[in-house]
Amino acid sequence: QAQPVESGGGLVQSGGSLTLSCAASGMNLSAAVVHWFRQVPRKPREFVAIMLRSGEITIAGAVKGRFTISRNVAKNTVDLQMNSLNVGDSGVYYCSVNTVLGRGTQVLVSA
């Protein structure tokens, strides 16, 4: 299985929004289990969201109501829509596809 590739990270002001995308070459993400995690230096990787093959989703309590996860069937991606971002959301965001972890994309939220 190819390593997933995350995209969409960047610098955003507090209160802003970003959408991250997870893609995996050669894989149909509609038939995969996709996680989103985030990590900041010196802290463990933190669960953010999961989408199961059935389409069922779970969002971590820390971001519930602000983040959503969805499939973009046309682009064959699983996207993490992040709204009302705050400084505490800064970090490297990773997706995993069927347990294979990507290299991450950096999100930096400025005050």
Foldseek 3Di string as FASTA:
>chain_A
DAAKDKDWADEEEQQAKIKIKIAGPPDQLLQWKKWKWWDDPPDDIGTAKIQHNVRDMDGDPVQPPFWDWDADNVVSIIMIIGGRDDQVVWGWMWMDTNNRIHPTDGHGYHD
